[in-house]
Amino acid sequence: RAGAGAVGPPPPRHSSRPYNLAMAEGRDASRDAFLTVHVFRGGARAHYLERCWMQGVYSNRPHTLVKFDLPAASAPQQLTLALAQYKPTDSQVDFSLDVYAQAPFTLRPIAPPEPTA
């Protein structure tokens, strides 16, 4: 939930494990993982990335910033942030997500989906 203001969720990567594994193989696997953050309106689970409200640029750099201005609203706004990888890689990509905003906000995980029978 956020009020008006600029919001920027950068996904910095922690690539020590993939880097060490890749170095043993003679390559840098962390350079193969292109990540970005997609932003969706509403606080629901995202299933189709093409329906995002705002999309970051896929990058293999360790720090990437997705910045946007959130217009003022009378009620709290809910956004969903989805980390997306351009192509699957053989190695695990560890990351952390930080969000910086000029207005108060709450960052929380989405509830797990209901089990299907």
N, C-alpha and C. Protein backbone atom coordinates (compact mmCIF):
# COMPACT_ATOMS: atom_id res chain seq x y z
N ARG A 1 0.85 -1.17 0.00
CA ARG A 1 0.00 0.00 0.00
C ARG A 1 0.89 1.23 0.00
N ALA A 2 0.55 2.18 -0.80
CA ALA A 2 1.39 3.36 -0.90
C ALA A 2 0.54 4.58 -1.18
N GLY A 3 1.02 5.73 -0.79
CA GLY A 3 0.38 6.99 -1.13
C GLY A 3 1.02 7.53 -2.39
N ALA A 4 0.88 8.83 -2.62
CA ALA A 4 1.48 9.44 -3.81
C ALA A 4 2.98 9.55 -3.60
N GLY A 5 3.71 9.56 -4.68
CA GLY A 5 5.15 9.75 -4.61
C GLY A 5 5.89 8.80 -5.51
N ALA A 6 7.18 8.99 -5.58
CA ALA A 6 8.03 8.13 -6.40
C ALA A 6 8.32 6.85 -5.64
N VAL A 7 8.27 5.74 -6.33
CA VAL A 7 8.55 4.43 -5.75
C VAL A 7 9.62 3.78 -6.60
N GLY A 8 10.58 3.13 -5.97
CA GLY A 8 11.63 2.48 -6.74
C GLY A 8 12.04 1.17 -6.14
N PRO A 9 11.60 0.03 -6.70
CA PRO A 9 12.07 -1.26 -6.19
C PRO A 9 13.23 -1.83 -7.00
N PRO A 10 14.47 -1.71 -6.52
CA PRO A 10 15.59 -2.31 -7.25
C PRO A 10 15.84 -3.74 -6.80
N PRO A 11 16.05 -4.70 -7.70
CA PRO A 11 16.38 -6.05 -7.26
C PRO A 11 17.89 -6.32 -7.25
N PRO A 12 18.60 -6.01 -6.16
CA PRO A 12 20.02 -6.32 -6.14
C PRO A 12 20.22 -7.82 -5.99
N ARG A 13 21.20 -8.35 -6.69
CA ARG A 13 21.47 -9.78 -6.69
C ARG A 13 22.61 -10.12 -5.75
N HIS A 14 22.52 -11.28 -5.15
CA HIS A 14 23.61 -11.81 -4.35
C HIS A 14 24.10 -13.04 -5.09
N SER A 15 25.14 -12.88 -5.86
CA SER A 15 25.53 -13.94 -6.79
C SER A 15 26.74 -14.72 -6.33
N SER A 16 27.00 -14.80 -5.03
CA SER A 16 28.21 -15.49 -4.58
C SER A 16 28.17 -16.98 -4.90
N ARG A 17 27.04 -17.65 -4.64
CA ARG A 17 26.97 -19.08 -4.91
C ARG A 17 27.01 -19.37 -6.40
N PRO A 18 26.15 -18.75 -7.24
CA PRO A 18 26.26 -19.01 -8.67
C PRO A 18 27.63 -18.61 -9.22
N TYR A 19 28.19 -17.51 -8.69
CA TYR A 19 29.48 -17.06 -9.17
C TYR A 19 30.56 -18.09 -8.86
N ASN A 20 30.56 -18.63 -7.62
CA ASN A 20 31.58 -19.61 -7.25
C ASN A 20 31.42 -20.89 -8.06
N LEU A 21 30.18 -21.35 -8.26
CA LEU A 21 29.92 -22.54 -9.06
C LEU A 21 30.37 -22.31 -10.50
N ALA A 22 30.03 -21.16 -11.03
CA ALA A 22 30.38 -20.85 -12.42
C ALA A 22 31.89 -20.70 -12.59
N MET A 23 32.54 -20.10 -11.60
CA MET A 23 33.99 -19.92 -11.71
C MET A 23 34.68 -21.28 -11.80
N ALA A 24 34.15 -22.29 -11.09
CA ALA A 24 34.73 -23.63 -11.19
C ALA A 24 34.55 -24.19 -12.59
N GLU A 25 33.50 -23.75 -13.28
CA GLU A 25 33.25 -24.19 -14.65
C GLU A 25 33.88 -23.25 -15.67
N GLY A 26 34.54 -22.19 -15.20
CA GLY A 26 35.20 -21.26 -16.10
C GLY A 26 34.29 -20.20 -16.69
N ARG A 27 33.12 -19.94 -16.06
CA ARG A 27 32.23 -18.88 -16.57
C ARG A 27 31.56 -18.19 -15.40
N ASP A 28 30.92 -17.08 -15.66
CA ASP A 28 30.23 -16.31 -14.63
C ASP A 28 28.73 -16.46 -14.85
N ALA A 29 28.09 -17.38 -14.13
CA ALA A 29 26.66 -17.66 -14.32
C ALA A 29 25.78 -16.48 -13.92
N SER A 30 26.23 -15.63 -13.02
CA SER A 30 25.42 -14.49 -12.61
C SER A 30 25.21 -13.53 -13.78
N ARG A 31 26.08 -13.56 -14.77
CA ARG A 31 25.93 -12.69 -15.95
C ARG A 31 24.87 -13.24 -16.90
N ASP A 32 24.45 -14.51 -16.72
CA ASP A 32 23.44 -15.11 -17.59
C ASP A 32 22.02 -14.80 -17.13
N ALA A 33 21.84 -14.35 -15.90
CA ALA A 33 20.51 -14.13 -15.34
C ALA A 33 20.08 -12.68 -15.56
N PHE A 34 19.13 -12.46 -16.45
CA PHE A 34 18.60 -11.13 -16.71
C PHE A 34 17.29 -11.01 -15.93
N LEU A 35 17.25 -10.09 -14.95
CA LEU A 35 16.09 -9.92 -14.08
C LEU A 35 15.48 -8.53 -14.24
N THR A 36 14.20 -8.42 -13.91
CA THR A 36 13.54 -7.13 -13.82
C THR A 36 12.38 -7.25 -12.84
N VAL A 37 11.75 -6.14 -12.54
CA VAL A 37 10.56 -6.12 -11.69
C VAL A 37 9.39 -5.61 -12.51
N HIS A 38 8.29 -6.37 -12.49
CA HIS A 38 7.04 -5.95 -13.10
C HIS A 38 6.13 -5.43 -11.98
N VAL A 39 5.41 -4.34 -12.24
CA VAL A 39 4.51 -3.76 -11.26
C VAL A 39 3.09 -3.89 -11.76
N PHE A 40 2.22 -4.43 -10.92
CA PHE A 40 0.81 -4.62 -11.25
C PHE A 40 -0.03 -3.81 -10.29
N ARG A 41 -1.13 -3.28 -10.77
CA ARG A 41 -2.09 -2.60 -9.89
C ARG A 41 -2.93 -3.66 -9.19
N GLY A 42 -3.25 -3.43 -7.93
CA GLY A 42 -4.03 -4.38 -7.15
C GLY A 42 -3.09 -5.26 -6.34
N GLY A 43 -3.60 -5.85 -5.29
CA GLY A 43 -2.76 -6.65 -4.41
C GLY A 43 -2.91 -8.14 -4.65
N ALA A 44 -3.18 -8.54 -5.87
CA ALA A 44 -3.41 -9.96 -6.17
C ALA A 44 -2.19 -10.60 -6.81
N ARG A 45 -2.17 -11.91 -6.78
CA ARG A 45 -1.11 -12.67 -7.43
C ARG A 45 -1.14 -12.42 -8.93
N ALA A 46 0.03 -12.24 -9.53
CA ALA A 46 0.13 -11.97 -10.97
C ALA A 46 0.39 -13.27 -11.71
N HIS A 47 -0.38 -13.52 -12.78
CA HIS A 47 -0.21 -14.74 -13.57
C HIS A 47 0.28 -14.46 -14.98
N TYR A 48 0.02 -13.26 -15.51
CA TYR A 48 0.40 -12.92 -16.88
C TYR A 48 1.23 -11.65 -16.86
N LEU A 49 2.52 -11.78 -17.14
CA LEU A 49 3.41 -10.62 -17.07
C LEU A 49 3.07 -9.56 -18.11
N GLU A 50 2.42 -9.97 -19.21
CA GLU A 50 2.10 -8.97 -20.24
C GLU A 50 1.05 -7.97 -19.76
N ARG A 51 0.37 -8.26 -18.68
CA ARG A 51 -0.69 -7.37 -18.17
C ARG A 51 -0.18 -6.41 -17.10
N CYS A 52 1.12 -6.26 -17.00
CA CYS A 52 1.66 -5.40 -15.95
C CYS A 52 1.39 -3.92 -16.24
N TRP A 53 1.36 -3.13 -15.18
CA TRP A 53 1.15 -1.69 -15.29
C TRP A 53 2.48 -1.01 -15.64
N MET A 54 3.57 -1.49 -15.07
CA MET A 54 4.89 -0.91 -15.28
C MET A 54 5.89 -2.04 -15.36
N GLN A 55 6.79 -1.98 -16.32
CA GLN A 55 7.79 -3.03 -16.48
C GLN A 55 9.18 -2.43 -16.48
N GLY A 56 10.06 -3.03 -15.71
CA GLY A 56 11.44 -2.60 -15.70
C GLY A 56 12.18 -3.17 -16.91
N VAL A 57 13.41 -2.79 -17.06
CA VAL A 57 14.25 -3.27 -18.15
C VAL A 57 15.03 -4.48 -17.65
N TYR A 58 15.04 -5.56 -18.43
CA TYR A 58 15.81 -6.74 -18.05
C TYR A 58 17.28 -6.39 -18.07
N SER A 59 17.97 -6.75 -16.99
CA SER A 59 19.38 -6.42 -16.87
C SER A 59 20.10 -7.53 -16.11
N ASN A 60 21.37 -7.71 -16.42
CA ASN A 60 22.17 -8.67 -15.68
C ASN A 60 23.13 -7.96 -14.73
N ARG A 61 22.91 -6.68 -14.50
CA ARG A 61 23.74 -5.95 -13.54
C ARG A 61 23.30 -6.29 -12.12
N PRO A 62 24.19 -6.19 -11.14
CA PRO A 62 23.82 -6.58 -9.77
C PRO A 62 22.81 -5.63 -9.12
N HIS A 63 22.71 -4.39 -9.59
CA HIS A 63 21.74 -3.44 -9.01
C HIS A 63 20.97 -2.79 -10.15
N THR A 64 19.65 -2.91 -10.08
CA THR A 64 18.78 -2.36 -11.11
C THR A 64 17.68 -1.58 -10.42
N LEU A 65 17.30 -0.45 -10.99
CA LEU A 65 16.27 0.39 -10.40
C LEU A 65 15.07 0.49 -11.33
N VAL A 66 13.89 0.23 -10.79
CA VAL A 66 12.64 0.45 -11.51
C VAL A 66 11.97 1.60 -10.78
N LYS A 67 11.84 2.74 -11.44
CA LYS A 67 11.32 3.93 -10.79
C LYS A 67 10.05 4.38 -11.49
N PHE A 68 9.06 4.78 -10.71
CA PHE A 68 7.83 5.31 -11.28
C PHE A 68 7.18 6.25 -10.28
N ASP A 69 6.33 7.14 -10.78
CA ASP A 69 5.56 8.05 -9.94
C ASP A 69 4.17 7.48 -9.76
N LEU A 70 3.75 7.39 -8.52
CA LEU A 70 2.43 6.88 -8.20
C LEU A 70 1.53 8.08 -7.95
N PRO A 71 0.47 8.26 -8.74
CA PRO A 71 -0.39 9.43 -8.57
C PRO A 71 -1.11 9.40 -7.22
N ALA A 72 -1.46 10.58 -6.72
CA ALA A 72 -2.19 10.69 -5.46
C ALA A 72 -3.56 10.06 -5.60
N ALA A 73 -4.03 9.45 -4.52
CA ALA A 73 -5.35 8.81 -4.51
C ALA A 73 -5.99 9.04 -3.15
N SER A 74 -7.32 9.03 -3.11
CA SER A 74 -8.02 9.24 -1.84
C SER A 74 -7.95 7.99 -0.96
N ALA A 75 -7.87 6.82 -1.55
CA ALA A 75 -7.78 5.56 -0.79
C ALA A 75 -6.40 4.96 -0.99
N PRO A 76 -5.95 4.10 -0.06
CA PRO A 76 -4.65 3.44 -0.25
C PRO A 76 -4.63 2.63 -1.55
N GLN A 77 -3.51 2.65 -2.21
CA GLN A 77 -3.35 1.91 -3.46
C GLN A 77 -2.56 0.64 -3.17
N GLN A 78 -2.92 -0.44 -3.83
CA GLN A 78 -2.19 -1.69 -3.68
C GLN A 78 -1.53 -2.02 -5.00
N LEU A 79 -0.25 -2.38 -4.90
CA LEU A 79 0.52 -2.78 -6.07
C LEU A 79 1.12 -4.15 -5.79
N THR A 80 1.35 -4.91 -6.83
CA THR A 80 2.03 -6.20 -6.73
C THR A 80 3.34 -6.09 -7.50
N LEU A 81 4.44 -6.46 -6.85
CA LEU A 81 5.75 -6.47 -7.48
C LEU A 81 6.09 -7.92 -7.81
N ALA A 82 6.46 -8.18 -9.06
CA ALA A 82 6.82 -9.53 -9.48
C ALA A 82 8.21 -9.50 -10.09
N LEU A 83 9.12 -10.27 -9.53
CA LEU A 83 10.45 -10.39 -10.09
C LEU A 83 10.39 -11.37 -11.25
N ALA A 84 10.92 -10.99 -12.38
CA ALA A 84 10.85 -11.84 -13.58
C ALA A 84 12.26 -12.07 -14.11
N GLN A 85 12.49 -13.29 -14.60
CA GLN A 85 13.77 -13.66 -15.21
C GLN A 85 13.53 -13.86 -16.70
N TYR A 86 14.40 -13.30 -17.54
CA TYR A 86 14.21 -13.35 -18.98
C TYR A 86 14.25 -14.77 -19.52
N LYS A 87 15.29 -15.52 -19.17
CA LYS A 87 15.41 -16.92 -19.59
C LYS A 87 15.85 -17.74 -18.39
N PRO A 88 15.36 -18.97 -18.26
CA PRO A 88 15.83 -19.81 -17.15
C PRO A 88 17.33 -20.08 -17.28
N THR A 89 17.99 -20.20 -16.15
CA THR A 89 19.41 -20.55 -16.14
C THR A 89 19.59 -21.83 -15.34
N ASP A 90 20.73 -22.47 -15.51
CA ASP A 90 21.02 -23.71 -14.80
C ASP A 90 21.34 -23.48 -13.33
N SER A 91 21.75 -22.28 -12.99
CA SER A 91 22.15 -22.00 -11.61
C SER A 91 21.08 -21.18 -10.91
N GLN A 92 21.09 -21.27 -9.59
CA GLN A 92 20.15 -20.51 -8.76
C GLN A 92 20.58 -19.05 -8.73
N VAL A 93 19.61 -18.14 -8.79
CA VAL A 93 19.90 -16.71 -8.71
C VAL A 93 19.31 -16.20 -7.40
N ASP A 94 20.18 -15.80 -6.49
CA ASP A 94 19.73 -15.24 -5.22
C ASP A 94 19.58 -13.73 -5.37
N PHE A 95 18.57 -13.17 -4.71
CA PHE A 95 18.34 -11.73 -4.82
C PHE A 95 17.72 -11.21 -3.54
N SER A 96 17.75 -9.91 -3.38
CA SER A 96 16.99 -9.24 -2.33
C SER A 96 16.23 -8.11 -2.99
N LEU A 97 15.14 -7.70 -2.37
CA LEU A 97 14.29 -6.66 -2.94
C LEU A 97 14.18 -5.54 -1.93
N ASP A 98 14.56 -4.34 -2.32
CA ASP A 98 14.43 -3.15 -1.49
C ASP A 98 13.49 -2.20 -2.20
N VAL A 99 12.65 -1.51 -1.43
CA VAL A 99 11.73 -0.53 -2.00
C VAL A 99 11.95 0.79 -1.29
N TYR A 100 12.11 1.84 -2.05
CA TYR A 100 12.29 3.18 -1.51
C TYR A 100 11.14 4.04 -2.00
N ALA A 101 10.54 4.82 -1.09
CA ALA A 101 9.39 5.64 -1.47
C ALA A 101 9.43 6.96 -0.71
N GLN A 102 8.81 7.97 -1.29
CA GLN A 102 8.73 9.28 -0.67
C GLN A 102 7.52 9.41 0.24
N ALA A 103 6.64 8.41 0.24
CA ALA A 103 5.44 8.40 1.08
C ALA A 103 5.44 7.10 1.89
N PRO A 104 4.73 7.08 3.01
CA PRO A 104 4.67 5.84 3.79
C PRO A 104 4.06 4.70 2.98
N PHE A 105 4.57 3.49 3.19
CA PHE A 105 4.05 2.33 2.49
C PHE A 105 4.24 1.09 3.34
N THR A 106 3.56 0.03 2.97
CA THR A 106 3.68 -1.27 3.63
C THR A 106 4.04 -2.30 2.57
N LEU A 107 5.06 -3.09 2.83
CA LEU A 107 5.47 -4.15 1.92
C LEU A 107 5.20 -5.48 2.61
N ARG A 108 4.40 -6.33 1.98
CA ARG A 108 4.05 -7.61 2.58
C ARG A 108 3.94 -8.68 1.50
N PRO A 109 4.14 -9.95 1.86
CA PRO A 109 3.98 -11.02 0.86
C PRO A 109 2.51 -11.25 0.56
N ILE A 110 2.25 -11.77 -0.63
CA ILE A 110 0.89 -12.14 -1.02
C ILE A 110 0.59 -13.49 -0.38
N ALA A 111 -0.66 -13.67 0.03
CA ALA A 111 -1.06 -14.94 0.63
C ALA A 111 -0.86 -16.07 -0.38
N PRO A 112 -0.49 -17.26 0.11
CA PRO A 112 -0.32 -18.38 -0.82
C PRO A 112 -1.64 -18.75 -1.49
N PRO A 113 -1.56 -19.30 -2.70
CA PRO A 113 -2.80 -19.67 -3.39
C PRO A 113 -3.52 -20.80 -2.67
N GLU A 114 -4.82 -20.85 -2.86
CA GLU A 114 -5.63 -21.94 -2.30
C GLU A 114 -5.26 -23.24 -2.99
N PRO A 115 -5.14 -24.33 -2.24
CA PRO A 115 -4.84 -25.61 -2.89
C PRO A 115 -6.01 -26.06 -3.76
N THR A 116 -5.67 -26.66 -4.88
CA THR A 116 -6.72 -27.17 -5.78
C THR A 116 -6.86 -28.67 -5.57
N ALA A 117 -8.08 -29.14 -5.69
CA ALA A 117 -8.33 -30.57 -5.45
C ALA A 117 -8.21 -31.37 -6.72
